[in-house]
PDB file of all heavy atoms in Angstrom:
ATOM      1  N   GLU A   1      71.534  -0.041  22.801  1.00  0.00           N
ATOM      2  CA  GLU A   1      72.549  -0.077  21.749  1.00  0.00           C
ATOM      3  C   GLU A   1      72.801  -1.512  21.312  1.00  0.00           C
ATOM      4  O   GLU A   1      72.772  -2.434  22.120  1.00  0.00           O
ATOM      5  CB  GLU A   1      73.852   0.551  22.245  1.00  0.00           C
ATOM      6  CG  GLU A   1      73.742   2.034  22.529  1.00  0.00           C
ATOM      7  CD  GLU A   1      75.085   2.668  22.838  1.00  0.00           C
ATOM      8  OE1 GLU A   1      76.118   2.081  22.456  1.00  0.00           O
ATOM      9  OE2 GLU A   1      75.099   3.740  23.465  1.00  0.00           O
ATOM     10  N   ARG A   2      73.056  -1.660  20.022  1.00  0.00           N
ATOM     11  CA  ARG A   2      73.288  -2.973  19.422  1.00  0.00           C
ATOM     12  C   ARG A   2      74.706  -3.016  18.873  1.00  0.00           C
ATOM     13  O   ARG A   2      75.111  -2.144  18.112  1.00  0.00           O
ATOM     14  CB  ARG A   2      72.265  -3.197  18.305  1.00  0.00           C
ATOM     15  CG  ARG A   2      72.413  -4.470  17.539  1.00  0.00           C
ATOM     16  CD  ARG A   2      71.285  -4.598  16.503  1.00  0.00           C
ATOM     17  NE  ARG A   2      71.584  -5.686  15.584  1.00  0.00           N
ATOM     18  CZ  ARG A   2      72.301  -5.548  14.487  1.00  0.00           C
ATOM     19  NH1 ARG A   2      72.777  -4.368  14.151  1.00  0.00           N
ATOM     20  NH2 ARG A   2      72.541  -6.595  13.712  1.00  0.00           N
ATOM     21  N   SER A   3      75.476  -4.041  19.263  1.00  0.00           N
ATOM     22  CA  SER A   3      76.878  -4.145  18.849  1.00  0.00           C
ATOM     23  C   SER A   3      77.180  -5.547  18.332  1.00  0.00           C
ATOM     24  O   SER A   3      77.028  -6.526  19.062  1.00  0.00           O
ATOM     25  CB  SER A   3      77.799  -3.815  20.035  1.00  0.00           C
ATOM     26  OG  SER A   3      79.154  -3.976  19.693  1.00  0.00           O
ATOM     27  N   LEU A   4      77.605  -5.632  17.065  1.00  0.00           N
ATOM     28  CA  LEU A   4      77.981  -6.916  16.482  1.00  0.00           C
ATOM     29  C   LEU A   4      79.385  -7.302  16.915  1.00  0.00           C
ATOM     30  O   LEU A   4      80.298  -6.478  16.914  1.00  0.00           O
ATOM     31  CB  LEU A   4      77.911  -6.848  14.953  1.00  0.00           C
ATOM     32  CG  LEU A   4      76.520  -6.752  14.338  1.00  0.00           C
ATOM     33  CD1 LEU A   4      76.623  -6.552  12.828  1.00  0.00           C
ATOM     34  CD2 LEU A   4      75.702  -7.995  14.648  1.00  0.00           C
ATOM     35  N   ILE A   5      79.575  -8.555  17.264  1.00  0.00           N
ATOM     36  CA  ILE A   5      80.859  -9.025  17.771  1.00  0.00           C
ATOM     37  C   ILE A   5      81.933  -9.004  16.696  1.00  0.00           C
ATOM     38  O   ILE A   5      83.100  -8.707  16.975  1.00  0.00           O
ATOM     39  CB  ILE A   5      80.714 -10.457  18.335  1.00  0.00           C
ATOM     40  CG1 ILE A   5      79.717 -10.464  19.494  1.00  0.00           C
ATOM     41  CG2 ILE A   5      82.067 -11.001  18.785  1.00  0.00           C
ATOM     42  CD1 ILE A   5      80.055  -9.521  20.612  1.00  0.00           C
ATOM     43  N   ASP A   6      81.565  -9.315  15.456  1.00  0.00           N
ATOM     44  CA  ASP A   6      82.552  -9.452  14.390  1.00  0.00           C
ATOM     45  C   ASP A   6      82.954  -8.122  13.748  1.00  0.00           C
ATOM     46  O   ASP A   6      83.792  -8.105  12.846  1.00  0.00           O
ATOM     47  CB  ASP A   6      82.025 -10.395  13.294  1.00  0.00           C
ATOM     48  CG  ASP A   6      81.859 -11.815  13.818  1.00  0.00           C
ATOM     49  OD1 ASP A   6      82.564 -12.172  14.783  1.00  0.00           O
ATOM     50  OD2 ASP A   6      81.016 -12.551  13.282  1.00  0.00           O
ATOM     51  N   GLU A   7      82.371  -7.016  14.190  1.00  0.00           N
ATOM     52  CA  GLU A   7      82.733  -5.719  13.621  1.00  0.00           C
ATOM     53  C   GLU A   7      84.063  -5.217  14.187  1.00  0.00           C
ATOM     54  O   GLU A   7      84.435  -5.543  15.315  1.00  0.00           O
ATOM     55  CB  GLU A   7      81.648  -4.684  13.928  1.00  0.00           C
ATOM     56  CG  GLU A   7      80.385  -4.864  13.122  1.00  0.00           C
ATOM     57  CD  GLU A   7      79.389  -3.765  13.400  1.00  0.00           C
ATOM     58  OE1 GLU A   7      79.392  -3.223  14.523  1.00  0.00           O
ATOM     59  OE2 GLU A   7      78.615  -3.445  12.489  1.00  0.00           O
ATOM     60  N   GLU A   8      84.741  -4.409  13.408  1.00  0.00           N
ATOM     61  CA  GLU A   8      85.994  -3.808  13.867  1.00  0.00           C
ATOM     62  C   GLU A   8      85.700  -2.846  15.012  1.00  0.00           C
ATOM     63  O   GLU A   8      84.725  -2.095  14.980  1.00  0.00           O
ATOM     64  CB  GLU A   8      86.655  -3.054  12.706  1.00  0.00           C
ATOM     65  CG  GLU A   8      88.032  -2.511  13.046  1.00  0.00           C
ATOM     66  CD  GLU A   8      88.699  -1.855  11.845  1.00  0.00           C
ATOM     67  OE1 GLU A   8      88.152  -1.953  10.731  1.00  0.00           O
ATOM     68  OE2 GLU A   8      89.763  -1.246  12.035  1.00  0.00           O
ATOM     69  N   ASP A   9      86.534  -2.870  16.039  1.00  0.00           N
ATOM     70  CA  ASP A   9      86.371  -2.024  17.225  1.00  0.00           C
ATOM     71  C   ASP A   9      85.012  -2.228  17.894  1.00  0.00           C
ATOM     72  O   ASP A   9      84.379  -1.286  18.374  1.00  0.00           O
ATOM     73  CB  ASP A   9      86.542  -0.540  16.861  1.00  0.00           C
ATOM     74  CG  ASP A   9      87.927  -0.241  16.320  1.00  0.00           C
ATOM     75  OD1 ASP A   9      88.898  -0.849  16.802  1.00  0.00           O
ATOM     76  OD2 ASP A   9      88.046   0.601  15.401  1.00  0.00           O
ATOM     77  N   SER A  10      84.553  -3.464  17.926  1.00  0.00           N
ATOM     78  CA  SER A  10      83.248  -3.783  18.495  1.00  0.00           C
ATOM     79  C   SER A  10      83.252  -3.624  20.015  1.00  0.00           C
ATOM     80  O   SER A  10      84.069  -4.231  20.707  1.00  0.00           O
ATOM     81  CB  SER A  10      82.854  -5.219  18.133  1.00  0.00           C
ATOM     82  OG  SER A  10      81.762  -5.651  18.911  1.00  0.00           O
ATOM     83  N   LEU A  11      82.318  -2.803  20.518  1.00  0.00           N
ATOM     84  CA  LEU A  11      82.180  -2.641  21.962  1.00  0.00           C
ATOM     85  C   LEU A  11      81.723  -3.950  22.589  1.00  0.00           C
ATOM     86  O   LEU A  11      82.160  -4.329  23.675  1.00  0.00           O
ATOM     87  CB  LEU A  11      81.174  -1.526  22.274  1.00  0.00           C
ATOM     88  CG  LEU A  11      80.880  -1.285  23.759  1.00  0.00           C
ATOM     89  CD1 LEU A  11      82.152  -0.914  24.508  1.00  0.00           C
ATOM     90  CD2 LEU A  11      79.824  -0.196  23.916  1.00  0.00           C
ATOM     91  N   GLY A  12      80.838  -4.672  21.886  1.00  0.00           N
ATOM     92  CA  GLY A  12      80.363  -5.950  22.389  1.00  0.00           C
ATOM     93  C   GLY A  12      81.484  -6.952  22.566  1.00  0.00           C
ATOM     94  O   GLY A  12      81.525  -7.694  23.551  1.00  0.00           O
ATOM     95  N   ALA A  13      82.419  -6.982  21.606  1.00  0.00           N
ATOM     96  CA  ALA A  13      83.553  -7.898  21.695  1.00  0.00           C
ATOM     97  C   ALA A  13      84.440  -7.543  22.886  1.00  0.00           C
ATOM     98  O   ALA A  13      84.937  -8.433  23.596  1.00  0.00           O
ATOM     99  CB  ALA A  13      84.355  -7.858  20.401  1.00  0.00           C
ATOM    100  N   GLU A  14      84.616  -6.259  23.127  1.00  0.00           N
ATOM    101  CA  GLU A  14      85.410  -5.818  24.278  1.00  0.00           C
ATOM    102  C   GLU A  14      84.743  -6.254  25.580  1.00  0.00           C
ATOM    103  O   GLU A  14      85.410  -6.703  26.517  1.00  0.00           O
ATOM    104  CB  GLU A  14      85.564  -4.295  24.261  1.00  0.00           C
ATOM    105  CG  GLU A  14      86.449  -3.766  23.133  1.00  0.00           C
ATOM    106  CD  GLU A  14      86.575  -2.251  23.175  1.00  0.00           C
ATOM    107  OE1 GLU A  14      86.193  -1.654  24.211  1.00  0.00           O
ATOM    108  OE2 GLU A  14      87.037  -1.670  22.192  1.00  0.00           O
ATOM    109  N   GLU A  15      83.424  -6.105  25.620  1.00  0.00           N
ATOM    110  CA  GLU A  15      82.696  -6.502  26.829  1.00  0.00           C
ATOM    111  C   GLU A  15      82.821  -8.002  27.084  1.00  0.00           C
ATOM    112  O   GLU A  15      82.998  -8.434  28.224  1.00  0.00           O
ATOM    113  CB  GLU A  15      81.223  -6.098  26.696  1.00  0.00           C
ATOM    114  CG  GLU A  15      81.008  -4.604  26.779  1.00  0.00           C
ATOM    115  CD  GLU A  15      79.575  -4.199  26.522  1.00  0.00           C
ATOM    116  OE1 GLU A  15      78.855  -4.947  25.822  1.00  0.00           O
ATOM    117  OE2 GLU A  15      79.173  -3.135  27.023  1.00  0.00           O
ATOM    118  N   LEU A  16      82.734  -8.808  26.026  1.00  0.00           N
ATOM    119  CA  LEU A  16      82.871 -10.256  26.191  1.00  0.00           C
ATOM    120  C   LEU A  16      84.232 -10.619  26.763  1.00  0.00           C
ATOM    121  O   LEU A  16      84.350 -11.487  27.625  1.00  0.00           O
ATOM    122  CB  LEU A  16      82.655 -10.965  24.856  1.00  0.00           C
ATOM    123  CG  LEU A  16      81.218 -11.133  24.376  1.00  0.00           C
ATOM    124  CD1 LEU A  16      81.201 -11.856  23.041  1.00  0.00           C
ATOM    125  CD2 LEU A  16      80.382 -11.887  25.393  1.00  0.00           C
ATOM    126  N   ASP A  17      85.276  -9.954  26.267  1.00  0.00           N
ATOM    127  CA  ASP A  17      86.623 -10.204  26.785  1.00  0.00           C
ATOM    128  C   ASP A  17      86.703  -9.854  28.275  1.00  0.00           C
ATOM    129  O   ASP A  17      87.305 -10.582  29.073  1.00  0.00           O
ATOM    130  CB  ASP A  17      87.657  -9.382  26.010  1.00  0.00           C
ATOM    131  CG  ASP A  17      87.880  -9.913  24.601  1.00  0.00           C
ATOM    132  OD1 ASP A  17      87.543 -11.088  24.347  1.00  0.00           O
ATOM    133  OD2 ASP A  17      88.390  -9.150  23.755  1.00  0.00           O
ATOM    134  N   GLU A  18      86.069  -8.728  28.642  1.00  0.00           N
ATOM    135  CA  GLU A  18      86.071  -8.313  30.043  1.00  0.00           C
ATOM    136  C   GLU A  18      85.306  -9.307  30.915  1.00  0.00           C
ATOM    137  O   GLU A  18      85.725  -9.626  32.035  1.00  0.00           O
ATOM    138  CB  GLU A  18      85.452  -6.918  30.177  1.00  0.00           C
ATOM    139  CG  GLU A  18      86.300  -5.804  29.572  1.00  0.00           C
ATOM    140  CD  GLU A  18      85.605  -4.460  29.622  1.00  0.00           C
ATOM    141  OE1 GLU A  18      84.489  -4.392  30.195  1.00  0.00           O
ATOM    142  OE2 GLU A  18      86.161  -3.488  29.100  1.00  0.00           O
ATOM    143  N   TYR A  19      84.183  -9.799  30.397  1.00  0.00           N
ATOM    144  CA  TYR A  19      83.404 -10.774  31.156  1.00  0.00           C
ATOM    145  C   TYR A  19      84.214 -12.031  31.434  1.00  0.00           C
ATOM    146  O   TYR A  19      84.140 -12.605  32.529  1.00  0.00           O
ATOM    147  CB  TYR A  19      82.131 -11.163  30.404  1.00  0.00           C
ATOM    148  CG  TYR A  19      81.136 -10.040  30.230  1.00  0.00           C
ATOM    149  CD1 TYR A  19      80.266 -10.024  29.152  1.00  0.00           C
ATOM    150  CD2 TYR A  19      81.065  -8.993  31.143  1.00  0.00           C
ATOM    151  CE1 TYR A  19      79.348  -8.996  28.985  1.00  0.00           C
ATOM    152  CE2 TYR A  19      80.160  -7.966  30.982  1.00  0.00           C
ATOM    153  CZ  TYR A  19      79.303  -7.975  29.899  1.00  0.00           C
ATOM    154  OH  TYR A  19      78.406  -6.957  29.729  1.00  0.00           O
ATOM    155  N   GLY A  20      84.976 -12.468  30.439  1.00  0.00           N
ATOM    156  CA  GLY A  20      85.799 -13.656  30.627  1.00  0.00           C
ATOM    157  C   GLY A  20      86.739 -13.503  31.800  1.00  0.00           C
ATOM    158  O   GLY A  20      86.941 -14.441  32.585  1.00  0.00           O
ATOM    159  N   ASP A  21      87.333 -12.300  31.936  1.00  0.00           N
ATOM    160  CA  ASP A  21      88.228 -12.031  33.060  1.00  0.00           C
ATOM    161  C   ASP A  21      87.460 -11.904  34.366  1.00  0.00           C
ATOM    162  O   ASP A  21      87.885 -12.413  35.410  1.00  0.00           O
ATOM    163  CB  ASP A  21      89.016 -10.740  32.807  1.00  0.00           C
ATOM    164  CG  ASP A  21      89.981 -10.869  31.633  1.00  0.00           C
ATOM    165  OD1 ASP A  21      90.394 -12.007  31.332  1.00  0.00           O
ATOM    166  OD2 ASP A  21      90.309  -9.831  31.013  1.00  0.00           O
ATOM    167  N   GLN A  22      86.304 -11.231  34.321  1.00  0.00           N
ATOM    168  CA  GLN A  22      85.538 -10.946  35.535  1.00  0.00           C
ATOM    169  C   GLN A  22      84.972 -12.199  36.189  1.00  0.00           C
ATOM    170  O   GLN A  22      84.890 -12.280  37.418  1.00  0.00           O
ATOM    171  CB  GLN A  22      84.390  -9.988  35.215  1.00  0.00           C
ATOM    172  CG  GLN A  22      84.829  -8.581  34.866  1.00  0.00           C
ATOM    173  CD  GLN A  22      83.662  -7.725  34.392  1.00  0.00           C
ATOM    174  OE1 GLN A  22      82.504  -8.149  34.417  1.00  0.00           O
ATOM    175  NE2 GLN A  22      83.957  -6.517  33.946  1.00  0.00           N
ATOM    176  N   ILE A  23      84.580 -13.179  35.388  1.00  0.00           N
ATOM    177  CA  ILE A  23      83.891 -14.345  35.956  1.00  0.00           C
ATOM    178  C   ILE A  23      84.826 -15.472  36.371  1.00  0.00           C
ATOM    179  O   ILE A  23      84.391 -16.440  36.990  1.00  0.00           O
ATOM    180  CB  ILE A  23      82.838 -14.909  34.984  1.00  0.00           C
ATOM    181  CG1 ILE A  23      83.511 -15.606  33.785  1.00  0.00           C
ATOM    182  CG2 ILE A  23      81.869 -13.831  34.537  1.00  0.00           C
ATOM    183  CD1 ILE A  23      82.534 -16.364  32.899  1.00  0.00           C
ATOM    184  N   SER A  24      86.109 -15.345  36.057  1.00  0.00           N
ATOM    185  CA  SER A  24      87.031 -16.472  36.268  1.00  0.00           C
ATOM    186  C   SER A  24      87.054 -16.966  37.710  1.00  0.00           C
ATOM    187  O   SER A  24      87.241 -18.164  37.964  1.00  0.00           O
ATOM    188  CB  SER A  24      88.449 -16.091  35.822  1.00  0.00           C
ATOM    189  OG  SER A  24      88.926 -14.985  36.562  1.00  0.00           O
ATOM    190  N   ASP A  25      86.864 -16.068  38.679  1.00  0.00           N
ATOM    191  CA  ASP A  25      86.893 -16.459  40.090  1.00  0.00           C
ATOM    192  C   ASP A  25      85.499 -16.530  40.707  1.00  0.00           C
ATOM    193  O   ASP A  25      85.379 -16.679  41.928  1.00  0.00           O
ATOM    194  CB  ASP A  25      87.741 -15.461  40.886  1.00  0.00           C
ATOM    195  CG  ASP A  25      89.207 -15.493  40.479  1.00  0.00           C
ATOM    196  OD1 ASP A  25      89.675 -16.591  40.101  1.00  0.00           O
ATOM    197  OD2 ASP A  25      89.855 -14.440  40.519  1.00  0.00           O
ATOM    198  N   CYS A  26      84.453 -16.441  39.882  1.00  0.00           N
ATOM    199  CA  CYS A  26      83.081 -16.452  40.399  1.00  0.00           C
ATOM    200  C   CYS A  26      82.605 -17.881  40.649  1.00  0.00           C
ATOM    201  O   CYS A  26      83.256 -18.847  40.272  1.00  0.00           O
ATOM    202  CB  CYS A  26      82.143 -15.738  39.424  1.00  0.00           C
ATOM    203  SG  CYS A  26      82.428 -13.948  39.310  1.00  0.00           S
ATOM    204  N   LYS A  27      81.443 -17.975  41.273  1.00  0.00           N
ATOM    205  CA  LYS A  27      80.850 -19.265  41.603  1.00  0.00           C
ATOM    206  C   LYS A  27      79.406 -19.304  41.106  1.00  0.00           C
ATOM    207  O   LYS A  27      78.764 -18.267  41.003  1.00  0.00           O
ATOM    208  CB  LYS A  27      80.877 -19.486  43.112  1.00  0.00           C
ATOM    209  CG  LYS A  27      82.262 -19.447  43.743  1.00  0.00           C
ATOM    210  CD  LYS A  27      83.139 -20.592  43.283  1.00  0.00           C
ATOM    211  CE  LYS A  27      84.515 -20.540  43.961  1.00  0.00           C
ATOM    212  NZ  LYS A  27      85.409 -21.598  43.502  1.00  0.00           N
ATOM    213  N   PRO A  28      78.867 -20.478  40.863  1.00  0.00           N
ATOM    214  CA  PRO A  28      79.529 -21.787  40.912  1.00  0.00           C
ATOM    215  C   PRO A  28      80.437 -22.022  39.707  1.00  0.00           C
ATOM    216  O   PRO A  28      80.261 -21.413  38.655  1.00  0.00           O
ATOM    217  CB  PRO A  28      78.355 -22.769  40.928  1.00  0.00           C
ATOM    218  CG  PRO A  28      77.245 -22.040  40.249  1.00  0.00           C
ATOM    219  CD  PRO A  28      77.423 -20.601  40.595  1.00  0.00           C
ATOM    220  N   GLU A  29      81.392 -22.906  39.870  1.00  0.00           N
ATOM    221  CA  GLU A  29      82.361 -23.170  38.821  1.00  0.00           C
ATOM    222  C   GLU A  29      81.708 -23.733  37.564  1.00  0.00           C
ATOM    223  O   GLU A  29      82.174 -23.476  36.449  1.00  0.00           O
ATOM    224  CB  GLU A  29      83.441 -24.123  39.334  1.00  0.00           C
ATOM    225  CG  GLU A  29      84.302 -23.521  40.434  1.00  0.00           C
ATOM    226  CD  GLU A  29      85.338 -24.492  40.966  1.00  0.00           C
ATOM    227  OE1 GLU A  29      85.378 -25.639  40.468  1.00  0.00           O
ATOM    228  OE2 GLU A  29      86.108 -24.106  41.864  1.00  0.00           O
ATOM    229  N   SER A  30      80.633 -24.491  37.727  1.00  0.00           N
ATOM    230  CA  SER A  30      79.949 -25.065  36.556  1.00  0.00           C
ATOM    231  C   SER A  30      79.377 -23.959  35.673  1.00  0.00           C
ATOM    232  O   SER A  30      79.368 -24.073  34.443  1.00  0.00           O
ATOM    233  CB  SER A  30      78.832 -26.007  37.001  1.00  0.00           C
ATOM    234  OG  SER A  30      77.893 -25.341  37.827  1.00  0.00           O
ATOM    235  N   ALA A  31      78.910 -22.861  36.298  1.00  0.00           N
ATOM    236  CA  ALA A  31      78.378 -21.732  35.530  1.00  0.00           C
ATOM    237  C   ALA A  31      79.496 -20.993  34.804  1.00  0.00           C
ATOM    238  O   ALA A  31      79.321 -20.541  33.665  1.00  0.00           O
ATOM    239  CB  ALA A  31      77.629 -20.780  36.453  1.00  0.00           C
ATOM    240  N   VAL A  32      80.648 -20.875  35.453  1.00  0.00           N
ATOM    241  CA  VAL A  32      81.800 -20.224  34.807  1.00  0.00           C
ATOM    242  C   VAL A  32      82.195 -20.989  33.553  1.00  0.00           C
ATOM    243  O   VAL A  32      82.430 -20.400  32.493  1.00  0.00           O
ATOM    244  CB  VAL A  32      82.988 -20.129  35.784  1.00  0.00           C
ATOM    245  CG1 VAL A  32      84.226 -19.603  35.064  1.00  0.00           C
ATOM    246  CG2 VAL A  32      82.637 -19.228  36.963  1.00  0.00           C
ATOM    247  N   ALA A  33      82.247 -22.309  33.643  1.00  0.00           N
ATOM    248  CA  ALA A  33      82.599 -23.134  32.486  1.00  0.00           C
ATOM    249  C   ALA A  33      81.565 -22.995  31.374  1.00  0.00           C
ATOM    250  O   ALA A  33      81.906 -22.873  30.193  1.00  0.00           O
ATOM    251  CB  ALA A  33      82.730 -24.597  32.914  1.00  0.00           C
ATOM    252  N   TYR A  34      80.292 -23.004  31.752  1.00  0.00           N
ATOM    253  CA  TYR A  34      79.203 -22.855  30.775  1.00  0.00           C
ATOM    254  C   TYR A  34      79.304 -21.513  30.061  1.00  0.00           C
ATOM    255  O   TYR A  34      79.216 -21.440  28.822  1.00  0.00           O
ATOM    256  CB  TYR A  34      77.859 -22.980  31.489  1.00  0.00           C
ATOM    257  CG  TYR A  34      76.673 -22.546  30.670  1.00  0.00           C
ATOM    258  CD1 TYR A  34      76.079 -23.419  29.756  1.00  0.00           C
ATOM    259  CD2 TYR A  34      76.124 -21.267  30.813  1.00  0.00           C
ATOM    260  CE1 TYR A  34      74.972 -23.020  29.005  1.00  0.00           C
ATOM    261  CE2 TYR A  34      75.029 -20.866  30.066  1.00  0.00           C
ATOM    262  CZ  TYR A  34      74.461 -21.742  29.168  1.00  0.00           C
ATOM    263  OH  TYR A  34      73.368 -21.334  28.418  1.00  0.00           O
ATOM    264  N   LEU A  35      79.495 -20.432  30.812  1.00  0.00           N
ATOM    265  CA  LEU A  35      79.548 -19.098  30.228  1.00  0.00           C
ATOM    266  C   LEU A  35      80.784 -18.910  29.356  1.00  0.00           C
ATOM    267  O   LEU A  35      80.702 -18.308  28.283  1.00  0.00           O
ATOM    268  CB  LEU A  35      79.518 -18.042  31.336  1.00  0.00           C
ATOM    269  CG  LEU A  35      78.193 -17.911  32.076  1.00  0.00           C
ATOM    270  CD1 LEU A  35      78.362 -17.070  33.340  1.00  0.00           C
ATOM    271  CD2 LEU A  35      77.128 -17.314  31.171  1.00  0.00           C
ATOM    272  N   THR A  36      81.907 -19.423  29.809  1.00  0.00           N
ATOM    273  CA  THR A  36      83.141 -19.308  29.029  1.00  0.00           C
ATOM    274  C   THR A  36      82.965 -19.929  27.653  1.00  0.00           C
ATOM    275  O   THR A  36      83.401 -19.372  26.632  1.00  0.00           O
ATOM    276  CB  THR A  36      84.310 -19.982  29.776  1.00  0.00           C
ATOM    277  OG1 THR A  36      84.490 -19.349  31.046  1.00  0.00           O
ATOM    278  CG2 THR A  36      85.596 -19.867  28.974  1.00  0.00           C
ATOM    279  N   GLU A  37      82.312 -21.063  27.605  1.00  0.00           N
ATOM    280  CA  GLU A  37      82.029 -21.718  26.319  1.00  0.00           C
ATOM    281  C   GLU A  37      80.965 -20.955  25.535  1.00  0.00           C
ATOM    282  O   GLU A  37      81.063 -20.817  24.312  1.00  0.00           O
ATOM    283  CB  GLU A  37      81.563 -23.149  26.574  1.00  0.00           C
ATOM    284  CG  GLU A  37      81.310 -23.950  25.304  1.00  0.00           C
ATOM    285  CD  GLU A  37      80.933 -25.392  25.595  1.00  0.00           C
ATOM    286  OE1 GLU A  37      81.225 -25.871  26.705  1.00  0.00           O
ATOM    287  OE2 GLU A  37      80.340 -26.035  24.704  1.00  0.00           O
ATOM    288  N   TYR A  38      79.986 -20.426  26.235  1.00  0.00           N
ATOM    289  CA  TYR A  38      78.877 -19.733  25.565  1.00  0.00           C
ATOM    290  C   TYR A  38      79.345 -18.439  24.890  1.00  0.00           C
ATOM    291  O   TYR A  38      78.840 -18.072  23.818  1.00  0.00           O
ATOM    292  CB  TYR A  38      77.767 -19.413  26.568  1.00  0.00           C
ATOM    293  CG  TYR A  38      76.437 -19.119  25.913  1.00  0.00           C
ATOM    294  CD1 TYR A  38      75.492 -20.122  25.747  1.00  0.00           C
ATOM    295  CD2 TYR A  38      76.124 -17.843  25.443  1.00  0.00           C
ATOM    296  CE1 TYR A  38      74.282 -19.871  25.136  1.00  0.00           C
ATOM    297  CE2 TYR A  38      74.916 -17.581  24.825  1.00  0.00           C
ATOM    298  CZ  TYR A  38      73.995 -18.607  24.672  1.00  0.00           C
ATOM    299  OH  TYR A  38      72.790 -18.353  24.040  1.00  0.00           O
ATOM    300  N   PHE A  39      80.274 -17.744  25.503  1.00  0.00           N
ATOM    301  CA  PHE A  39      80.750 -16.478  24.942  1.00  0.00           C
ATOM    302  C   PHE A  39      81.237 -16.640  23.507  1.00  0.00           C
ATOM    303  O   PHE A  39      81.128 -15.720  22.696  1.00  0.00           O
ATOM    304  CB  PHE A  39      81.868 -15.886  25.801  1.00  0.00           C
ATOM    305  CG  PHE A  39      81.419 -15.405  27.157  1.00  0.00           C
ATOM    306  CD1 PHE A  39      82.345 -15.232  28.180  1.00  0.00           C
ATOM    307  CD2 PHE A  39      80.086 -15.143  27.422  1.00  0.00           C
ATOM    308  CE1 PHE A  39      81.936 -14.795  29.436  1.00  0.00           C
ATOM    309  CE2 PHE A  39      79.664 -14.702  28.673  1.00  0.00           C
ATOM    310  CZ  PHE A  39      80.603 -14.535  29.678  1.00  0.00           C
ATOM    311  N   ASP A  40      81.759 -17.801  23.164  1.00  0.00           N
ATOM    312  CA  ASP A  40      82.240 -18.039  21.802  1.00  0.00           C
ATOM    313  C   ASP A  40      81.099 -18.091  20.784  1.00  0.00           C
ATOM    314  O   ASP A  40      81.325 -17.936  19.587  1.00  0.00           O
ATOM    315  CB  ASP A  40      83.033 -19.348  21.735  1.00  0.00           C
ATOM    316  CG  ASP A  40      84.359 -19.267  22.462  1.00  0.00           C
ATOM    317  OD1 ASP A  40      84.882 -18.139  22.607  1.00  0.00           O
ATOM    318  OD2 ASP A  40      84.881 -20.318  22.890  1.00  0.00           O
TER     319      ASP A  40
END
């Protein structure tokens, strides 16, 4: 399945938001910072 982030009710956008929460306590911290910036 293909989901555009900028679409209304985008499943992909919801997943990105969830990932941001899920990785906050993960390691290594440098990867968390990289991914947090990359999600944008």
